[in-house]
Amino acid sequence: MDKPQRGFWCECWTQDVNDETGRTALRASFDAYSAPQADRWVAVALRTISPALDPDASDEAWAWLYDGRIDSRRALLRMEPCTVSLTHANTHITWTIRPVVFLPMAHRRGIELPPCAHGFKPQPSV
């Protein structure tokens, strides 16, 4: 990529509903370059975990897969963010998809990262 490119930044966050601090944890992230690729990322995750979910959470997952996914795809095609959430036992799971512009990284060749990438220190999630 040698020039900015539109796409979507996708994340999966979890939160213990009994944790009074409200802390969330980032579980996964994905850069998608089209609306179908972005909503497919969430769909694959939901299909993968649905057999392990409690009945209510499984129903929520399949409701989005059958009906809500259409609305999400339409929002993404309009370059609007969307969110998919469900609660399983004590865990609230949220997938977010936001439109972004991906910028090319300087001096990137193949999988080699530029020197500045090694200086990055992730901050603890709030």
Protein backbone atom coordinates (compact mmCIF):
# COMPACT_ATOMS: atom_id res chain seq x y z
CA MET A 1 0.00 0.00 0.00
CA ASP A 2 1.61 3.26 -1.06
CA LYS A 3 -1.31 5.63 -0.52
CA PRO A 4 -4.14 5.95 2.01
CA GLN A 5 -6.86 3.33 1.64
CA ARG A 6 -10.38 3.24 3.06
CA GLY A 7 -11.32 0.27 5.17
CA PHE A 8 -12.69 -0.82 8.53
CA TRP A 9 -11.07 -1.38 11.91
CA CYS A 10 -12.70 -4.30 13.70
CA GLU A 11 -12.30 -5.15 17.38
CA CYS A 12 -13.65 -7.69 19.85
CA TRP A 13 -13.87 -6.61 23.50
CA THR A 14 -15.01 -8.50 26.57
CA GLN A 15 -16.15 -7.30 29.96
CA ASP A 16 -16.95 -9.21 33.15
CA VAL A 17 -20.45 -7.99 34.07
CA ASN A 18 -19.65 -8.48 37.77
CA ASP A 19 -16.49 -6.35 37.63
CA GLU A 20 -17.40 -3.09 39.36
CA THR A 21 -14.52 -1.24 37.71
CA GLY A 22 -16.09 -1.73 34.28
CA ARG A 23 -12.74 -2.72 32.76
CA THR A 24 -12.81 -4.15 29.28
CA ALA A 25 -10.25 -6.34 27.55
CA LEU A 26 -9.37 -6.26 23.88
CA ARG A 27 -9.47 -9.87 22.63
CA ALA A 28 -8.94 -9.45 18.90
CA SER A 29 -8.62 -6.87 16.14
CA PHE A 30 -8.73 -7.05 12.38
CA ASP A 31 -8.22 -4.65 9.50
CA ALA A 32 -10.79 -5.16 6.75
CA TYR A 33 -10.71 -3.51 3.35
CA SER A 34 -14.39 -3.94 2.47
CA ALA A 35 -17.77 -4.01 4.23
CA PRO A 36 -18.31 -7.70 3.40
CA GLN A 37 -14.89 -8.60 4.81
CA ALA A 38 -15.61 -6.67 8.02
CA ASP A 39 -19.01 -8.19 8.77
CA ARG A 40 -17.73 -11.64 7.75
CA TRP A 41 -15.11 -11.36 10.51
CA VAL A 42 -17.87 -10.97 13.11
CA ALA A 43 -20.03 -13.65 11.47
CA VAL A 44 -17.22 -16.21 11.55
CA ALA A 45 -16.55 -15.45 15.22
CA LEU A 46 -20.24 -15.81 16.12
CA ARG A 47 -20.63 -19.08 14.22
CA THR A 48 -17.47 -20.40 15.85
CA ILE A 49 -18.49 -19.65 19.44
CA SER A 50 -22.26 -20.19 19.16
CA PRO A 51 -22.17 -23.90 20.15
CA ALA A 52 -20.49 -22.93 23.45
CA LEU A 53 -22.88 -20.07 24.29
CA ASP A 54 -25.79 -20.33 26.69
CA PRO A 55 -29.21 -20.50 24.96
CA ASP A 56 -29.99 -16.77 25.27
CA ALA A 57 -26.60 -15.68 23.96
CA SER A 58 -26.80 -18.24 21.16
CA ASP A 59 -30.21 -16.86 20.19
CA GLU A 60 -28.74 -13.33 20.13
CA ALA A 61 -25.87 -14.51 17.94
CA TRP A 62 -28.12 -16.25 15.43
CA ALA A 63 -30.58 -13.33 15.39
CA TRP A 64 -27.75 -11.07 14.26
CA LEU A 65 -26.51 -13.65 11.74
CA TYR A 66 -29.98 -13.96 10.17
CA ASP A 67 -31.42 -10.45 10.52
CA GLY A 68 -29.05 -7.94 12.13
CA ARG A 69 -26.22 -8.66 9.74
CA ILE A 70 -28.19 -7.06 6.91
CA ASP A 71 -28.52 -3.81 8.86
CA SER A 72 -24.85 -3.91 9.82
CA ARG A 73 -23.78 -4.43 6.21
CA ARG A 74 -25.95 -1.51 5.08
CA ALA A 75 -24.42 0.74 7.76
CA LEU A 76 -20.92 -0.28 6.71
CA LEU A 77 -21.67 0.39 3.05
CA ARG A 78 -22.71 3.92 4.14
CA MET A 79 -19.35 4.09 6.00
CA GLU A 80 -21.08 4.16 9.39
CA PRO A 81 -19.80 2.27 12.43
CA CYS A 82 -21.68 -0.70 13.84
CA THR A 83 -21.61 -2.80 16.97
CA VAL A 84 -22.68 -6.36 17.75
CA SER A 85 -23.02 -7.36 21.41
CA LEU A 86 -24.17 -10.31 23.45
CA THR A 87 -23.86 -11.53 27.00
CA HIS A 88 -22.87 -15.09 27.87
CA ALA A 89 -22.92 -16.03 31.55
CA ASN A 90 -20.85 -13.26 33.22
CA THR A 91 -19.17 -12.04 30.05
CA HIS A 92 -20.37 -9.24 27.82
CA ILE A 93 -18.81 -9.52 24.34
CA THR A 94 -18.80 -6.62 21.89
CA TRP A 95 -17.57 -6.51 18.31
CA THR A 96 -17.09 -3.03 16.86
CA ILE A 97 -16.51 -2.09 13.24
CA ARG A 98 -15.46 1.46 12.39
CA PRO A 99 -14.67 3.03 9.04
CA VAL A 100 -11.07 4.22 8.88
CA VAL A 101 -8.43 5.37 6.46
CA PHE A 102 -5.37 3.12 6.56
CA LEU A 103 -2.16 5.05 6.07
CA PRO A 104 0.92 3.47 4.52
CA MET A 105 3.78 2.85 6.91
CA ALA A 106 7.14 4.36 6.07
CA HIS A 107 9.91 1.97 5.08
CA ARG A 108 7.70 -1.12 5.14
CA ARG A 109 8.96 -4.03 3.08
CA GLY A 110 7.03 -7.28 3.24
CA ILE A 111 6.54 -8.27 6.86
CA GLU A 112 9.44 -6.14 8.13
CA LEU A 113 8.21 -3.33 10.36
CA PRO A 114 9.86 0.08 10.53
CA PRO A 115 12.11 0.76 13.56
CA CYS A 116 9.49 3.03 15.15
CA ALA A 117 7.10 0.06 15.50
CA HIS A 118 9.38 -1.59 18.06
CA GLY A 119 9.22 1.46 20.30
CA PHE A 120 5.44 1.18 20.71
CA LYS A 121 4.37 0.29 24.24
CA PRO A 122 0.66 -0.63 24.51
CA GLN A 123 -1.22 1.11 27.28
CA PRO A 124 -3.42 -0.96 29.62
CA SER A 125 -7.07 -0.83 28.61
CA VAL A 126 -9.32 1.27 30.78
